[in-house]
């Protein structure tokens, strides 16, 4: 069971503030009680699946000239048969799941969740955006006009669409990362 967060562990390539040893942002009860959004059956033992996940995450950073990221870097935690993985610079969506033994191998089950921290920041950001947009719109000569109100609402909708698209992209990338780990076993 993953219960607490250990920050700034001495792992080559880790950065301060990135949980690298253990620690989950989602409660284990929430993991077990929810239906998985994604699953994959592989013909290897659950322990081997967990070990492969643990080896694929928390790798040292790969940089070109020490600055430019050359590949997506996934970090996370693995505890027992449960795991939580996210992209190092795309922390909004996490793949939270578990490995179960099934006849002939293992089943990976995962949910893609928006972290509580991200939800809090979004709940903070959108009201602040609204206040700023309406404050700017109210500074006009005639106060708030229908045009400025429409522009503020359109801006909020565009921002919401950008956030939704980014979350969808992160989910797809996490799903591809998990599937890529077991390509040989699936015969693809």
Foldseek 3Di string as FASTA:
>chain_A
DFDAFDFPDPDAQDDGPDGAETHDLDDPVVQVVDAFPDKDWFQAALVVLLVLVNVQAPDHFDADVVPHGDDWHKGWYGDDFWIWIFTPVLQQWIWTWGWADDVRYIMTGTHIDGGPVNVVVVVVPLVVLLVVQQVVCQPDPVGHDPVSVVVSVVVSVVVVVVVVVSSVVRVVVVVVVSCVSRCVRVVD
